[in-house]
Amino acid sequence: MSKEINMDLNSGISAFETKNFALSYQLLAPLAEQGEAEAQYRMAIMLQNGLGMVANEAKAVQLMQQAAEQGHALAQHGLGFMYMEGECVEQDGKTAAKWFKQAAEQGLVGSLTTLASLYEQGIGVEKNLEEAQRLYKLAGF
């Protein structure tokens, strides 16, 4: 990544974190189009929630999926949540579990606990209390 792209990414993230979504969009949109996973993830959040722009659920899912497919753990978790809750997509427990599992394999605690809950309840996966307990333990519970 070039210094200029890295600076735009960092500035876009900073604008996002300080809730200056219009500036964040301006800085991150070109990077998201170039395939930068962190930019795609943050753009997806803004598009999903109409932050600094008009909400666009279809584009939000597209960008979240692109970032998730690149191995971005938070995007994998976000996509799992979209499928679990039926936000921007049709509810699908099996697909949700797939994405939570990928994020959990990267050590994302929120995904570990959510996946444990899915195993505990048998949502999208076969009910398995031992696996749920193992995942909760991995998450520190």
Foldseek 3Di string as FASTA:
>chain_A
DDPVLVVLQVVLVVCVVVLVNLSNCVSLVVVLVVLDLVSLQSVLVCQLVVRNHDHDLVSSLVSLVSSVVVLPLVSLQVNLVCQCVVRSHRNAQLSSLVSLVSSVVVVDLVSLQVNLVCLCVVGSHRNDNVSSVVSPVSSPD
